[in-house]
Amino acid sequence: KRFTQDASGDFYVPLVDHTVAGVAMPNPKKAFIGKTLTETSPGGLRIIFAGAHFPITTIADSIETEDASVDALQAAKRSVAGILRKVLRDIGRKEGVDEQTIFFLQGDLNSRTILKGGRPYDILLELLEDRLLQRAIGYNLPGIPRGRWYEMVQHDDARSLPVTYKFTHDAVDRDSAESPSSLTIGAVVDKASEARLFRARAETAGEGHSPAAYKQCLADVGDDYRSEWGIAFKPKNFRPFRFPSSADRLLYWVADPLHSRLEWEFPRGGYQVNYKQGGSDHKPVSLEAILRIRPPPGSSSSATAPVDSEPYVAAARSREGTAMCAEMSEMLDAEVFRDSTGVGQYSLWGKAKAGWNWTPDHEATTCEVCARGFGIFLRRHHCRLCGNCVCGACSRDRQPLPQLNIAELCRICTKCMV
């Protein structure tokens, strides 16, 4: 009885995955959905819960570019920052955000591992530590108070993050003495560094970024360890953005005054990954957390101007800092609608010819709805809405797709019909 759901009900907001000539191409698989709970007492908390699946196209383009003048990590950070800015803007419009709001965002946020000079970096982790980008995300958004994004579980660097992607669809045995209870990005890179070839390359790679390093790293890990860990790796069709990553995360946005009152406790230490569950190239992640909120300061304290808890806040208020935030926020807005054409073999036209947004046949050994194995007597089909590879029994329905401007009847899987 302490909290009630807002009268607005559940919300669903699609995210842009492709743009052509500035026109957004919808992808119903990329969106965030959730609900808002409000404390019944006057001036009480508002807690927004949302599950999300972030777009991957521009992130993948950044990782796979062969242009040596492009900083892959910075480009990927801007892509994710642009998405977080759009999410914050849209949730402000739909649900409202004030200084008593905590906005939780969890799911496949498509953070990826970037290899530079043999060292791993996590896009989301690096973004959250980037003070300018953090300020730019919320800069000049109507009705949004000063605040920032945080990750619930703190990590010093990418090496300690658990790997949640990309796995084979089989369950992984974690009961053997040789198998670790949690696979980290650092463990993957360290195992590769034990190979003489990769170690020699790392020593001469400097701080540069090369798309070829991702494939070489997984090759150096070796078949035995990839099989033990359940890591998916097909050398012929490998793409750098499919390197083992911590894609599934939990963030929260909070206004600065409220953040100073939050106290977190994690009884199980942090993220728990269920490696034994199969059926997906992601592994499910759970997090047990206890949040305590200290009471607000007294009226005499609250009447004074809030004290900036971090140096970048004061810096952002200076004339130079404000100009930088304004320029960066405009870049992030443009990033969301960045043209997806002109990216070589991964262009939109190339994707359309190959079955845009479809799960490739060679990656689908089982139906992505019922999990029955494909074979001579069970053919592969694709849902025209979500792109999943499914069997005929799980895709009997035919519907037009007005959200994709398609009037004719198209094959739809049972999940999308529901």
Protein backbone atom coordinates (compact mmCIF):
# COMPACT_ATOMS: atom_id res chain seq x y z
CA LYS A 1 0.00 0.00 0.00
CA ARG A 2 3.00 2.30 0.23
CA PHE A 3 3.31 2.58 -3.58
CA THR A 4 0.70 2.75 -6.32
CA GLN A 5 1.14 2.46 -10.07
CA ASP A 6 0.74 5.70 -12.00
CA ALA A 7 -2.55 6.19 -13.79
CA SER A 8 -0.66 6.38 -17.08
CA GLY A 9 -0.14 2.62 -16.86
CA ASP A 10 2.63 0.72 -18.62
CA PHE A 11 4.78 2.48 -21.20
CA TYR A 12 6.48 1.29 -24.39
CA VAL A 13 9.01 3.42 -26.27
CA PRO A 14 10.74 2.21 -29.47
CA LEU A 15 14.38 3.05 -30.12
CA VAL A 16 16.03 3.87 -33.43
CA ASP A 17 18.35 1.17 -34.80
CA HIS A 18 18.75 2.35 -38.40
CA THR A 19 18.34 5.64 -40.18
CA VAL A 20 18.50 6.35 -43.89
CA ALA A 21 18.80 9.98 -45.01
CA GLY A 22 17.76 11.04 -41.51
CA VAL A 23 14.58 8.94 -41.56
CA ALA A 24 14.24 6.50 -38.65
CA MET A 25 13.79 2.85 -39.61
CA PRO A 26 11.75 1.19 -36.84
CA ASN A 27 12.88 -2.01 -35.19
CA PRO A 28 10.34 -3.33 -32.65
CA LYS A 29 13.04 -5.51 -31.06
CA LYS A 30 14.87 -2.38 -29.84
CA ALA A 31 12.82 -0.52 -27.23
CA PHE A 32 12.25 0.00 -23.53
CA ILE A 33 9.10 -0.87 -21.62
CA GLY A 34 8.01 -0.58 -18.00
CA LYS A 35 5.90 1.13 -15.38
CA THR A 36 6.07 3.85 -12.72
CA LEU A 37 5.29 3.50 -9.02
CA THR A 38 4.60 6.51 -6.81
CA GLU A 39 4.80 6.69 -3.04
CA THR A 40 1.38 7.59 -1.65
CA SER A 41 2.68 10.10 0.90
CA PRO A 42 2.93 13.77 -0.22
CA GLY A 43 6.24 14.52 -1.89
CA GLY A 44 7.06 10.81 -1.93
CA LEU A 45 9.39 8.89 -4.20
CA ARG A 46 8.65 8.02 -7.81
CA ILE A 47 10.32 4.81 -8.98
CA ILE A 48 10.41 3.99 -12.68
CA PHE A 49 11.24 0.42 -13.70
CA ALA A 50 12.12 -0.27 -17.34
CA GLY A 51 13.47 -3.21 -19.28
CA ALA A 52 15.38 -2.37 -22.44
CA HIS A 53 17.02 -3.78 -25.54
CA PHE A 54 19.40 -1.19 -26.96
CA PRO A 55 20.22 -0.80 -30.67
CA ILE A 56 23.53 -2.26 -31.82
CA THR A 57 24.04 -0.99 -35.39
CA THR A 58 26.10 2.17 -34.75
CA ILE A 59 27.98 0.47 -31.91
CA ALA A 60 28.95 -2.38 -34.24
CA ASP A 61 29.95 0.10 -36.95
CA SER A 62 32.28 1.85 -34.49
CA ILE A 63 33.98 -1.40 -33.46
CA GLU A 64 34.33 -2.72 -37.00
CA THR A 65 35.63 0.41 -38.70
CA GLU A 66 38.95 0.07 -40.50
CA ASP A 67 39.49 3.83 -40.40
CA ALA A 68 42.57 4.38 -38.23
CA SER A 69 41.56 8.01 -37.62
CA VAL A 70 38.41 6.91 -35.74
CA ASP A 71 38.70 6.28 -32.00
CA ALA A 72 36.51 3.20 -31.74
CA LEU A 73 35.97 3.52 -27.99
CA GLN A 74 35.00 7.20 -28.13
CA ALA A 75 32.68 6.62 -31.09
CA ALA A 76 30.97 3.71 -29.34
CA LYS A 77 30.62 5.74 -26.13
CA ARG A 78 28.87 8.51 -28.03
CA SER A 79 26.49 5.99 -29.58
CA VAL A 80 25.44 4.62 -26.18
CA ALA A 81 25.32 8.11 -24.66
CA GLY A 82 22.97 9.19 -27.45
CA ILE A 83 20.65 6.30 -26.62
CA LEU A 84 20.70 7.12 -22.88
CA ARG A 85 19.90 10.75 -23.67
CA LYS A 86 16.94 9.72 -25.82
CA VAL A 87 15.71 7.33 -23.10
CA LEU A 88 15.90 10.08 -20.49
CA ARG A 89 14.14 12.58 -22.73
CA ASP A 90 11.37 10.14 -23.66
CA ILE A 91 10.76 8.98 -20.10
CA GLY A 92 10.57 12.62 -19.01
CA ARG A 93 7.90 13.29 -21.63
CA LYS A 94 5.87 10.18 -20.90
CA GLU A 95 6.21 9.71 -17.14
CA GLY A 96 7.77 12.90 -15.82
CA VAL A 97 11.06 13.07 -13.94
CA ASP A 98 11.67 15.18 -10.85
CA GLU A 99 14.14 15.34 -7.97
CA GLN A 100 12.25 12.55 -6.18
CA THR A 101 12.55 10.12 -9.12
CA ILE A 102 14.75 7.05 -9.37
CA PHE A 103 14.75 5.55 -12.86
CA PHE A 104 15.96 1.94 -13.07
CA LEU A 105 16.94 0.63 -16.52
CA GLN A 106 17.94 -2.99 -17.00
CA GLY A 107 18.31 -5.49 -19.80
CA ASP A 108 20.40 -6.03 -22.92
CA LEU A 109 22.05 -2.61 -23.06
CA ASN A 110 24.44 -3.94 -25.73
CA SER A 111 27.59 -2.74 -24.04
CA ARG A 112 30.56 -4.27 -25.81
CA THR A 113 34.22 -5.01 -25.18
CA ILE A 114 36.72 -2.78 -27.00
CA LEU A 115 40.28 -4.09 -27.40
CA LYS A 116 42.99 -1.42 -27.59
CA GLY A 117 46.63 -2.39 -27.39
CA GLY A 118 45.65 -5.83 -26.05
CA ARG A 119 43.69 -4.31 -23.14
CA PRO A 120 39.90 -4.68 -22.75
CA TYR A 121 37.61 -1.69 -22.23
CA ASP A 122 33.87 -1.79 -21.60
CA ILE A 123 31.85 0.85 -23.46
CA LEU A 124 29.27 1.42 -20.73
CA LEU A 125 31.82 1.47 -17.92
CA GLU A 126 33.96 4.02 -19.74
CA LEU A 127 30.91 6.14 -20.58
CA LEU A 128 29.71 6.32 -16.98
CA GLU A 129 33.15 7.62 -15.94
CA ASP A 130 33.18 10.27 -18.68
CA ARG A 131 32.13 13.45 -16.90
CA LEU A 132 31.53 15.52 -20.01
CA LEU A 133 29.35 12.88 -21.65
CA GLN A 134 27.40 12.41 -18.43
CA ARG A 135 26.59 16.12 -18.31
CA ALA A 136 25.80 16.21 -22.02
CA ILE A 137 23.29 13.36 -21.67
CA GLY A 138 21.02 15.47 -19.48
CA TYR A 139 21.93 18.91 -20.77
CA ASN A 140 18.98 21.17 -21.66
CA LEU A 141 16.36 18.39 -21.51
CA PRO A 142 13.00 20.02 -20.63
CA GLY A 143 11.80 19.19 -17.13
CA ILE A 144 14.82 17.01 -16.28
CA PRO A 145 16.66 18.10 -13.10
CA ARG A 146 20.42 17.89 -12.81
CA GLY A 147 21.43 14.26 -12.35
CA ARG A 148 23.33 11.41 -13.96
CA TRP A 149 23.41 7.69 -14.72
CA TYR A 150 25.02 5.18 -12.37
CA GLU A 151 25.58 1.44 -12.50
CA MET A 152 24.26 -0.32 -9.42
CA VAL A 153 27.30 -2.60 -9.17
CA GLN A 154 30.63 -0.78 -9.25
CA HIS A 155 33.59 -2.21 -11.21
CA ASP A 156 37.08 -0.77 -11.39
CA ASP A 157 37.64 -1.82 -14.99
CA ALA A 158 36.35 -4.10 -17.72
CA ARG A 159 38.45 -7.05 -16.58
CA SER A 160 36.24 -7.73 -13.56
CA LEU A 161 32.93 -7.59 -15.46
CA PRO A 162 31.12 -10.91 -15.96
CA VAL A 163 30.69 -12.19 -19.51
CA THR A 164 26.99 -12.42 -20.39
CA TYR A 165 27.35 -12.60 -24.22
CA LYS A 166 28.09 -14.30 -26.69
CA PHE A 167 27.46 -17.96 -25.86
CA THR A 168 26.35 -21.04 -27.68
CA HIS A 169 22.72 -21.97 -27.07
CA ASP A 170 23.80 -24.95 -24.99
CA ALA A 171 23.90 -24.90 -21.20
CA VAL A 172 27.36 -24.57 -19.65
CA ASP A 173 28.56 -27.04 -17.01
CA ARG A 174 29.88 -25.04 -14.06
CA ASP A 175 30.12 -28.03 -11.67
CA SER A 176 33.49 -29.31 -12.81
CA ALA A 177 36.54 -28.41 -10.75
CA GLU A 178 38.17 -26.67 -13.71
CA SER A 179 35.21 -24.43 -14.49
CA PRO A 180 35.04 -20.98 -12.85
CA SER A 181 31.83 -19.96 -11.09
CA SER A 182 31.89 -16.65 -12.98
CA LEU A 183 33.55 -15.97 -16.30
CA THR A 184 35.03 -12.48 -16.58
CA ILE A 185 36.27 -10.47 -19.53
CA GLY A 186 39.69 -10.44 -17.91
CA ALA A 187 39.77 -14.25 -17.83
CA VAL A 188 39.16 -14.40 -21.59
CA VAL A 189 41.86 -11.86 -22.43
CA ASP A 190 44.34 -13.41 -19.99
CA LYS A 191 43.89 -16.86 -21.49
CA ALA A 192 44.52 -15.43 -24.95
CA SER A 193 47.62 -13.57 -23.72
CA GLU A 194 49.16 -16.89 -22.70
CA ALA A 195 49.50 -17.73 -26.36
CA ARG A 196 52.85 -16.57 -27.70
CA LEU A 197 51.40 -15.17 -30.92
CA PHE A 198 48.85 -12.96 -29.21
CA ARG A 199 51.33 -11.84 -26.53
CA ALA A 200 53.78 -10.73 -29.20
CA ARG A 201 51.05 -8.84 -31.03
CA ALA A 202 49.87 -7.15 -27.86
CA GLU A 203 53.36 -5.90 -27.09
CA THR A 204 53.70 -4.24 -30.47
CA ALA A 205 50.12 -3.05 -30.86
CA GLY A 206 50.56 0.15 -28.88
CA GLU A 207 47.28 1.86 -28.06
CA GLY A 208 45.79 1.29 -31.50
CA HIS A 209 42.55 -0.48 -32.32
CA SER A 210 42.24 -3.19 -34.96
CA PRO A 211 39.06 -5.13 -35.81
CA ALA A 212 41.27 -8.15 -36.58
CA ALA A 213 42.42 -8.32 -32.93
CA TYR A 214 39.06 -9.64 -31.71
CA LYS A 215 39.11 -12.72 -33.92
CA GLN A 216 42.78 -13.34 -33.16
CA CYS A 217 42.14 -13.08 -29.42
CA LEU A 218 39.39 -15.72 -29.47
CA ALA A 219 41.48 -17.95 -31.72
CA ASP A 220 44.31 -17.73 -29.18
CA VAL A 221 41.98 -18.73 -26.35
CA GLY A 222 41.79 -22.15 -27.98
CA ASP A 223 39.02 -24.65 -28.65
CA ASP A 224 39.21 -26.32 -25.23
CA TYR A 225 38.57 -23.20 -23.18
CA ARG A 226 35.97 -21.81 -25.58
CA SER A 227 34.12 -25.11 -25.35
CA GLU A 228 34.41 -25.24 -21.55
CA TRP A 229 33.10 -21.71 -21.20
CA GLY A 230 30.46 -22.16 -23.91
CA ILE A 231 31.73 -19.17 -25.92
CA ALA A 232 30.31 -19.00 -29.44
CA PHE A 233 32.98 -18.54 -32.10
CA LYS A 234 32.68 -19.19 -35.83
CA PRO A 235 35.88 -17.93 -37.48
CA LYS A 236 34.37 -17.80 -40.97
CA ASN A 237 31.49 -15.50 -40.02
CA PHE A 238 32.93 -13.80 -36.93
CA ARG A 239 32.33 -10.09 -36.41
CA PRO A 240 34.19 -8.03 -33.76
CA PHE A 241 31.05 -6.85 -31.95
CA ARG A 242 30.34 -10.51 -31.08
CA PHE A 243 33.43 -10.72 -28.88
CA PRO A 244 32.61 -11.83 -25.28
CA SER A 245 31.08 -8.86 -23.47
CA SER A 246 29.10 -7.81 -20.44
CA ALA A 247 26.01 -6.76 -22.38
CA ASP A 248 23.31 -7.27 -19.76
CA ARG A 249 23.44 -4.60 -17.06
CA LEU A 250 21.41 -2.58 -14.56
CA LEU A 251 21.64 1.22 -14.45
CA TYR A 252 19.75 3.89 -12.62
CA TRP A 253 19.33 7.61 -13.14
CA VAL A 254 18.81 9.90 -10.17
CA ALA A 255 18.92 13.63 -9.50
CA ASP A 256 22.02 14.81 -7.68
CA PRO A 257 20.34 15.81 -4.37
CA LEU A 258 18.59 12.44 -4.02
CA HIS A 259 21.69 10.45 -4.96
CA SER A 260 23.54 11.76 -1.93
CA ARG A 261 20.91 10.08 0.27
CA LEU A 262 21.08 6.60 -1.31
CA GLU A 263 22.82 3.67 0.37
CA TRP A 264 23.20 0.34 -1.44
CA GLU A 265 23.89 -3.14 -0.10
CA PHE A 266 24.46 -6.26 -2.22
CA PRO A 267 24.03 -9.41 -0.09
CA ARG A 268 25.42 -11.67 -2.85
CA GLY A 269 28.23 -9.35 -3.84
CA GLY A 270 26.97 -8.19 -7.24
CA TYR A 271 25.82 -9.62 -10.56
CA GLN A 272 25.03 -13.35 -10.59
CA VAL A 273 25.14 -15.03 -14.02
CA ASN A 274 23.25 -18.27 -14.60
CA TYR A 275 25.63 -20.06 -16.96
CA LYS A 276 23.68 -23.31 -16.75
CA GLN A 277 20.69 -21.97 -18.65
CA GLY A 278 20.81 -22.50 -22.41
CA GLY A 279 18.63 -21.45 -25.32
CA SER A 280 20.17 -18.03 -25.99
CA ASP A 281 23.48 -16.37 -26.83
CA HIS A 282 22.99 -14.32 -23.64
CA LYS A 283 23.07 -15.70 -20.11
CA PRO A 284 20.47 -14.47 -17.61
CA VAL A 285 21.73 -12.11 -14.94
CA SER A 286 20.27 -11.50 -11.47
CA LEU A 287 21.11 -8.93 -8.84
CA GLU A 288 19.99 -8.88 -5.23
CA ALA A 289 20.13 -5.35 -3.85
CA ILE A 290 18.93 -3.50 -0.76
CA LEU A 291 18.34 0.24 -1.08
CA ARG A 292 18.13 2.50 1.95
CA ILE A 293 17.25 6.17 1.55
CA ARG A 294 18.24 8.56 4.27
CA PRO A 295 15.67 11.22 5.21
CA PRO A 296 16.05 14.60 3.52
CA PRO A 297 17.94 17.33 5.35
CA GLY A 298 16.03 19.72 7.60
CA SER A 299 14.35 22.83 6.30
CA SER A 300 17.31 25.02 7.25
CA SER A 301 19.67 22.85 5.21
CA SER A 302 17.37 22.41 2.26
CA ALA A 303 16.88 26.15 1.99
CA THR A 304 20.53 26.61 1.05
CA ALA A 305 21.90 25.97 -2.38
CA PRO A 306 22.99 22.36 -2.91
CA VAL A 307 26.71 21.72 -2.71
CA ASP A 308 28.28 20.18 -5.81
CA SER A 309 29.55 16.76 -4.79
CA GLU A 310 31.77 16.30 -7.84
CA PRO A 311 34.18 18.74 -9.51
CA TYR A 312 32.71 18.21 -12.98
CA VAL A 313 29.38 19.74 -11.91
CA ALA A 314 31.04 23.05 -11.10
CA ALA A 315 33.14 22.80 -14.24
CA ALA A 316 30.04 22.25 -16.36
CA ARG A 317 28.51 25.43 -14.98
CA SER A 318 31.39 27.57 -16.16
CA ARG A 319 31.02 29.36 -19.47
CA GLU A 320 33.46 27.02 -21.20
CA GLY A 321 31.97 23.91 -19.59
CA THR A 322 28.43 24.91 -20.55
CA ALA A 323 29.48 25.47 -24.16
CA MET A 324 31.14 22.05 -24.27
CA CYS A 325 28.03 20.38 -22.80
CA ALA A 326 25.81 22.15 -25.33
CA GLU A 327 28.01 21.08 -28.25
CA MET A 328 28.26 17.50 -27.00
CA SER A 329 24.50 17.21 -26.36
CA GLU A 330 23.84 18.27 -29.97
CA MET A 331 26.28 15.59 -31.11
CA LEU A 332 24.43 12.97 -29.04
CA ASP A 333 21.07 13.99 -30.51
CA ALA A 334 22.55 13.61 -33.98
CA GLU A 335 24.12 10.27 -32.98
CA VAL A 336 20.71 8.70 -32.43
CA PHE A 337 19.74 9.50 -36.01
CA ARG A 338 23.16 8.86 -37.56
CA ASP A 339 22.81 7.60 -41.12
CA SER A 340 23.37 3.84 -41.21
CA THR A 341 24.42 3.75 -44.86
CA GLY A 342 27.94 3.73 -46.17
CA VAL A 343 29.41 1.17 -43.78
CA GLY A 344 30.85 -1.22 -46.34
CA GLN A 345 29.72 -4.83 -46.27
CA TYR A 346 27.44 -4.05 -43.31
CA SER A 347 25.44 -1.36 -45.12
CA LEU A 348 21.66 -1.23 -44.80
CA TRP A 349 21.30 -2.35 -48.41
CA GLY A 350 23.54 -5.32 -47.70
CA LYS A 351 21.51 -6.19 -44.63
CA ALA A 352 18.28 -5.91 -46.59
CA LYS A 353 19.54 -8.33 -49.23
CA ALA A 354 20.74 -10.78 -46.59
CA GLY A 355 17.55 -10.53 -44.53
CA TRP A 356 17.77 -7.32 -42.50
CA ASN A 357 17.75 -7.92 -38.76
CA TRP A 358 17.16 -11.65 -39.23
CA THR A 359 18.93 -14.26 -37.17
CA PRO A 360 21.33 -15.88 -39.69
CA ASP A 361 20.38 -19.46 -40.59
CA HIS A 362 23.84 -20.74 -39.66
CA GLU A 363 23.47 -19.34 -36.14
CA ALA A 364 20.06 -20.92 -35.46
CA THR A 365 20.22 -24.63 -34.68
CA THR A 366 16.89 -24.57 -32.83
CA CYS A 367 13.61 -22.69 -33.14
CA GLU A 368 13.85 -19.45 -31.15
CA VAL A 369 10.30 -19.97 -29.85
CA CYS A 370 9.82 -23.66 -29.07
CA ALA A 371 13.53 -24.71 -29.06
CA ARG A 372 12.97 -27.73 -31.33
CA GLY A 373 16.04 -28.60 -33.38
CA PHE A 374 16.06 -27.78 -37.09
CA GLY A 375 16.73 -30.58 -39.53
CA ILE A 376 15.52 -32.28 -42.68
CA PHE A 377 11.94 -32.41 -41.42
CA LEU A 378 11.89 -29.08 -39.55
CA ARG A 379 12.61 -26.12 -41.79
CA ARG A 380 13.81 -22.66 -40.80
CA HIS A 381 11.60 -19.61 -41.28
CA HIS A 382 11.91 -16.00 -40.14
CA CYS A 383 9.41 -13.77 -38.39
CA ARG A 384 9.16 -10.56 -40.47
CA LEU A 385 8.65 -8.46 -37.34
CA CYS A 386 11.28 -9.58 -34.82
CA GLY A 387 13.61 -11.43 -37.21
CA ASN A 388 13.84 -14.58 -35.07
CA CYS A 389 14.50 -17.90 -36.78
CA VAL A 390 11.46 -20.11 -36.09
CA CYS A 391 9.76 -23.28 -37.24
CA GLY A 392 6.57 -23.38 -39.29
CA ALA A 393 4.37 -24.34 -36.34
CA CYS A 394 5.54 -21.27 -34.44
CA SER A 395 4.92 -18.89 -37.37
CA ARG A 396 1.52 -19.79 -38.82
CA ASP A 397 0.04 -16.29 -38.53
CA ARG A 398 0.10 -13.73 -41.31
CA GLN A 399 -0.35 -10.00 -40.62
CA PRO A 400 0.40 -6.69 -42.33
CA LEU A 401 3.11 -4.61 -40.68
CA PRO A 402 2.03 -0.95 -40.67
CA GLN A 403 4.92 -0.06 -38.34
CA LEU A 404 7.25 -1.09 -41.18
CA ASN A 405 4.99 0.39 -43.89
CA ILE A 406 4.21 -3.09 -45.27
CA ALA A 407 0.60 -3.64 -46.32
CA GLU A 408 0.84 -7.24 -47.53
CA LEU A 409 0.47 -10.20 -45.17
CA CYS A 410 3.74 -11.30 -43.59
CA ARG A 411 4.84 -14.31 -41.57
CA ILE A 412 4.64 -13.54 -37.82
CA CYS A 413 5.83 -15.75 -34.96
CA THR A 414 3.65 -16.61 -32.01
CA LYS A 415 5.69 -14.42 -29.64
CA CYS A 416 5.03 -11.30 -31.70
CA MET A 417 1.35 -12.18 -32.06
CA VAL A 418 1.08 -12.31 -28.26
